Amino acid sequence: MPGVNRASAASGRRDARHSAGLGTFGGVFTPSILTILGIILFRRLGFVVGSAGLAQALAMLALATLISVLTSVSLSAIATNRKVKGRR
């Protein structure tokens, strides 16, 4: 490349590569834990439906989803230090 120092071009690629990465937590730990928890849920769902019945199993899943959504919204509000607006 004319007019561009090779060392600066290489360091520019290195900086872009380091800043665009997800890191250990976001790129490795989180997807791994989500996969493991998803497999556990899939493996145990038949047992839960067989033991509690379909209606109670769906109620448990709805409650777990509600708790997850509320936790995510709360963490987002804390992380951004702003109120999370509702429908109003």
N, C-alpha and C. Protein backbone atom coordinates (compact mmCIF):
# COMPACT_ATOMS: atom_id res chain seq x y z
N MET A 1 0.85 -1.18 0.00
CA MET A 1 0.00 0.00 0.00
C MET A 1 0.89 1.23 0.00
N PRO A 2 0.71 2.08 -0.97
CA PRO A 2 1.57 3.26 -1.03
C PRO A 2 1.21 4.25 0.08
N GLY A 3 2.24 4.79 0.73
CA GLY A 3 2.05 5.82 1.73
C GLY A 3 1.63 5.30 3.10
N VAL A 4 1.53 3.99 3.27
CA VAL A 4 1.13 3.44 4.56
C VAL A 4 2.26 2.56 5.06
N ASN A 5 2.67 2.83 6.25
CA ASN A 5 3.71 2.04 6.88
C ASN A 5 3.15 0.66 7.23
N ARG A 6 3.91 -0.39 6.92
CA ARG A 6 3.41 -1.74 7.19
C ARG A 6 3.20 -1.98 8.68
N ALA A 7 4.05 -1.41 9.51
CA ALA A 7 3.92 -1.60 10.95
C ALA A 7 2.63 -0.97 11.46
N SER A 8 2.29 0.22 10.95
CA SER A 8 1.05 0.87 11.40
C SER A 8 -0.17 0.14 10.87
N ALA A 9 -0.08 -0.42 9.68
CA ALA A 9 -1.20 -1.19 9.14
C ALA A 9 -1.41 -2.46 9.95
N ALA A 10 -0.31 -3.11 10.33
CA ALA A 10 -0.43 -4.33 11.14
C ALA A 10 -0.98 -4.02 12.52
N SER A 11 -0.53 -2.92 13.13
CA SER A 11 -1.04 -2.57 14.46
C SER A 11 -2.50 -2.14 14.37
N GLY A 12 -2.91 -1.55 13.27
CA GLY A 12 -4.32 -1.19 13.09
C GLY A 12 -5.20 -2.42 13.02
N ARG A 13 -4.70 -3.46 12.32
CA ARG A 13 -5.45 -4.73 12.28
C ARG A 13 -5.50 -5.37 13.65
N ARG A 14 -4.41 -5.30 14.38
CA ARG A 14 -4.36 -5.90 15.71
C ARG A 14 -5.31 -5.17 16.65
N ASP A 15 -5.36 -3.84 16.60
CA ASP A 15 -6.27 -3.07 17.45
C ASP A 15 -7.71 -3.38 17.11
N ALA A 16 -8.03 -3.47 15.83
CA ALA A 16 -9.40 -3.77 15.43
C ALA A 16 -9.80 -5.17 15.86
N ARG A 17 -8.87 -6.08 15.80
CA ARG A 17 -9.18 -7.46 16.19
C ARG A 17 -9.44 -7.54 17.70
N HIS A 18 -8.64 -6.82 18.51
CA HIS A 18 -8.83 -6.87 19.96
C HIS A 18 -10.09 -6.12 20.39
N SER A 19 -10.42 -5.03 19.76
CA SER A 19 -11.59 -4.26 20.18
C SER A 19 -12.89 -4.88 19.72
N ALA A 20 -12.89 -5.68 18.64
CA ALA A 20 -14.11 -6.26 18.12
C ALA A 20 -14.45 -7.59 18.78
N GLY A 21 -13.54 -8.18 19.55
CA GLY A 21 -13.77 -9.48 20.16
C GLY A 21 -14.75 -9.40 21.32
N LEU A 22 -15.33 -10.55 21.63
CA LEU A 22 -16.28 -10.61 22.72
C LEU A 22 -15.62 -10.86 24.06
N GLY A 23 -14.45 -11.39 24.07
CA GLY A 23 -13.77 -11.67 25.31
C GLY A 23 -14.14 -13.05 25.84
N THR A 24 -13.58 -13.37 26.99
CA THR A 24 -13.79 -14.69 27.57
C THR A 24 -15.21 -14.87 28.06
N PHE A 25 -15.74 -13.88 28.75
CA PHE A 25 -17.08 -14.03 29.33
C PHE A 25 -18.15 -14.05 28.26
N GLY A 26 -18.17 -13.05 27.39
CA GLY A 26 -19.21 -12.95 26.37
C GLY A 26 -19.06 -13.93 25.23
N GLY A 27 -17.85 -14.34 24.94
CA GLY A 27 -17.63 -15.20 23.79
C GLY A 27 -17.51 -16.68 24.09
N VAL A 28 -17.15 -17.01 25.34
CA VAL A 28 -16.94 -18.42 25.68
C VAL A 28 -17.88 -18.87 26.80
N PHE A 29 -17.83 -18.18 27.92
CA PHE A 29 -18.57 -18.62 29.10
C PHE A 29 -20.08 -18.56 28.89
N THR A 30 -20.60 -17.44 28.43
CA THR A 30 -22.05 -17.29 28.27
C THR A 30 -22.64 -18.28 27.28
N PRO A 31 -22.12 -18.42 26.06
CA PRO A 31 -22.70 -19.42 25.16
C PRO A 31 -22.60 -20.85 25.69
N SER A 32 -21.52 -21.16 26.39
CA SER A 32 -21.37 -22.51 26.93
C SER A 32 -22.41 -22.79 28.00
N ILE A 33 -22.60 -21.85 28.91
CA ILE A 33 -23.58 -22.03 29.98
C ILE A 33 -24.99 -22.09 29.40
N LEU A 34 -25.29 -21.26 28.42
CA LEU A 34 -26.62 -21.29 27.80
C LEU A 34 -26.88 -22.63 27.11
N THR A 35 -25.87 -23.18 26.48
CA THR A 35 -26.02 -24.48 25.84
C THR A 35 -26.26 -25.58 26.87
N ILE A 36 -25.48 -25.56 27.94
CA ILE A 36 -25.64 -26.57 28.98
C ILE A 36 -27.01 -26.48 29.63
N LEU A 37 -27.45 -25.27 29.96
CA LEU A 37 -28.77 -25.11 30.58
C LEU A 37 -29.89 -25.50 29.63
N GLY A 38 -29.73 -25.22 28.34
CA GLY A 38 -30.73 -25.61 27.36
C GLY A 38 -30.84 -27.12 27.24
N ILE A 39 -29.71 -27.82 27.29
CA ILE A 39 -29.72 -29.28 27.23
C ILE A 39 -30.38 -29.86 28.48
N ILE A 40 -30.06 -29.28 29.65
CA ILE A 40 -30.68 -29.75 30.88
C ILE A 40 -32.19 -29.57 30.83
N LEU A 41 -32.65 -28.41 30.36
CA LEU A 41 -34.09 -28.17 30.24
C LEU A 41 -34.72 -29.17 29.29
N PHE A 42 -34.10 -29.42 28.15
CA PHE A 42 -34.65 -30.35 27.18
C PHE A 42 -34.72 -31.76 27.75
N ARG A 43 -33.68 -32.18 28.46
CA ARG A 43 -33.64 -33.54 29.01
C ARG A 43 -34.65 -33.74 30.14
N ARG A 44 -34.93 -32.72 30.92
CA ARG A 44 -35.80 -32.86 32.08
C ARG A 44 -37.26 -32.50 31.79
N LEU A 45 -37.54 -31.97 30.63
CA LEU A 45 -38.89 -31.50 30.33
C LEU A 45 -39.89 -32.65 30.30
N GLY A 46 -39.52 -33.79 29.75
CA GLY A 46 -40.42 -34.94 29.73
C GLY A 46 -40.76 -35.42 31.12
N PHE A 47 -39.77 -35.42 32.01
CA PHE A 47 -40.00 -35.84 33.39
C PHE A 47 -40.96 -34.87 34.09
N VAL A 48 -40.77 -33.57 33.86
CA VAL A 48 -41.63 -32.56 34.49
C VAL A 48 -43.06 -32.70 33.99
N VAL A 49 -43.23 -32.86 32.69
CA VAL A 49 -44.57 -33.01 32.13
C VAL A 49 -45.21 -34.30 32.65
N GLY A 50 -44.45 -35.37 32.73
CA GLY A 50 -44.98 -36.63 33.23
C GLY A 50 -45.35 -36.57 34.70
N SER A 51 -44.60 -35.84 35.49
CA SER A 51 -44.85 -35.76 36.93
C SER A 51 -45.94 -34.75 37.28
N ALA A 52 -45.88 -33.58 36.68
CA ALA A 52 -46.78 -32.49 37.06
C ALA A 52 -47.99 -32.38 36.15
N GLY A 53 -47.89 -32.86 34.94
CA GLY A 53 -48.97 -32.69 33.98
C GLY A 53 -48.64 -31.54 33.04
N LEU A 54 -49.32 -31.53 31.91
CA LEU A 54 -49.02 -30.54 30.87
C LEU A 54 -49.32 -29.12 31.33
N ALA A 55 -50.47 -28.92 31.98
CA ALA A 55 -50.86 -27.56 32.40
C ALA A 55 -49.86 -26.99 33.41
N GLN A 56 -49.49 -27.78 34.40
CA GLN A 56 -48.54 -27.29 35.40
C GLN A 56 -47.14 -27.10 34.80
N ALA A 57 -46.75 -27.95 33.87
CA ALA A 57 -45.45 -27.79 33.22
C ALA A 57 -45.41 -26.50 32.41
N LEU A 58 -46.49 -26.21 31.68
CA LEU A 58 -46.55 -24.95 30.93
C LEU A 58 -46.57 -23.75 31.88
N ALA A 59 -47.25 -23.89 33.02
CA ALA A 59 -47.26 -22.80 34.00
C ALA A 59 -45.85 -22.56 34.56
N MET A 60 -45.12 -23.65 34.81
CA MET A 60 -43.73 -23.52 35.30
C MET A 60 -42.85 -22.84 34.27
N LEU A 61 -42.99 -23.22 33.01
CA LEU A 61 -42.20 -22.59 31.95
C LEU A 61 -42.55 -21.11 31.80
N ALA A 62 -43.85 -20.79 31.90
CA ALA A 62 -44.27 -19.39 31.81
C ALA A 62 -43.70 -18.58 32.97
N LEU A 63 -43.73 -19.14 34.17
CA LEU A 63 -43.18 -18.46 35.34
C LEU A 63 -41.67 -18.26 35.20
N ALA A 64 -40.97 -19.29 34.72
CA ALA A 64 -39.52 -19.18 34.53
C ALA A 64 -39.18 -18.13 33.49
N THR A 65 -39.99 -18.08 32.41
CA THR A 65 -39.77 -17.06 31.37
C THR A 65 -40.01 -15.67 31.92
N LEU A 66 -41.08 -15.51 32.71
CA LEU A 66 -41.38 -14.20 33.31
C LEU A 66 -40.25 -13.74 34.22
N ILE A 67 -39.74 -14.65 35.03
CA ILE A 67 -38.63 -14.30 35.93
C ILE A 67 -37.39 -13.91 35.13
N SER A 68 -37.10 -14.63 34.06
CA SER A 68 -35.94 -14.31 33.23
C SER A 68 -36.08 -12.95 32.56
N VAL A 69 -37.26 -12.66 32.04
CA VAL A 69 -37.49 -11.36 31.38
C VAL A 69 -37.38 -10.22 32.39
N LEU A 70 -38.01 -10.37 33.55
CA LEU A 70 -37.93 -9.32 34.56
C LEU A 70 -36.50 -9.11 35.05
N THR A 71 -35.75 -10.18 35.20
CA THR A 71 -34.35 -10.05 35.61
C THR A 71 -33.54 -9.34 34.55
N SER A 72 -33.76 -9.67 33.28
CA SER A 72 -33.04 -9.02 32.18
C SER A 72 -33.35 -7.53 32.12
N VAL A 73 -34.61 -7.18 32.27
CA VAL A 73 -34.99 -5.76 32.23
C VAL A 73 -34.40 -5.02 33.42
N SER A 74 -34.41 -5.64 34.59
CA SER A 74 -33.84 -5.00 35.78
C SER A 74 -32.34 -4.79 35.62
N LEU A 75 -31.65 -5.81 35.11
CA LEU A 75 -30.21 -5.66 34.90
C LEU A 75 -29.90 -4.60 33.85
N SER A 76 -30.75 -4.51 32.83
CA SER A 76 -30.55 -3.46 31.82
C SER A 76 -30.74 -2.09 32.43
N ALA A 77 -31.74 -1.95 33.29
CA ALA A 77 -31.98 -0.66 33.94
C ALA A 77 -30.82 -0.29 34.84
N ILE A 78 -30.29 -1.25 35.56
CA ILE A 78 -29.15 -0.98 36.44
C ILE A 78 -27.92 -0.64 35.62
N ALA A 79 -27.68 -1.37 34.55
CA ALA A 79 -26.48 -1.16 33.73
C ALA A 79 -26.51 0.19 33.03
N THR A 80 -27.67 0.62 32.59
CA THR A 80 -27.74 1.89 31.88
C THR A 80 -27.98 3.06 32.81
N ASN A 81 -28.33 2.77 34.08
CA ASN A 81 -28.59 3.80 35.08
C ASN A 81 -29.73 4.72 34.64
N ARG A 82 -30.71 4.15 33.99
CA ARG A 82 -31.89 4.90 33.54
C ARG A 82 -33.12 4.08 33.83
N LYS A 83 -34.27 4.75 33.84
CA LYS A 83 -35.52 4.05 33.99
C LYS A 83 -35.87 3.34 32.69
N VAL A 84 -36.40 2.15 32.82
CA VAL A 84 -36.90 1.43 31.65
C VAL A 84 -38.35 1.82 31.48
N LYS A 85 -38.66 2.46 30.36
CA LYS A 85 -40.00 2.98 30.14
C LYS A 85 -40.97 1.86 29.85
N GLY A 86 -42.16 2.02 30.40
CA GLY A 86 -43.23 1.07 30.13
C GLY A 86 -44.06 1.53 28.93
N ARG A 87 -45.32 1.18 28.93
CA ARG A 87 -46.19 1.51 27.81
C ARG A 87 -46.63 2.97 27.82
N ARG A 88 -46.49 3.63 28.92
CA ARG A 88 -46.98 5.02 29.01
C ARG A 88 -46.16 5.97 28.24
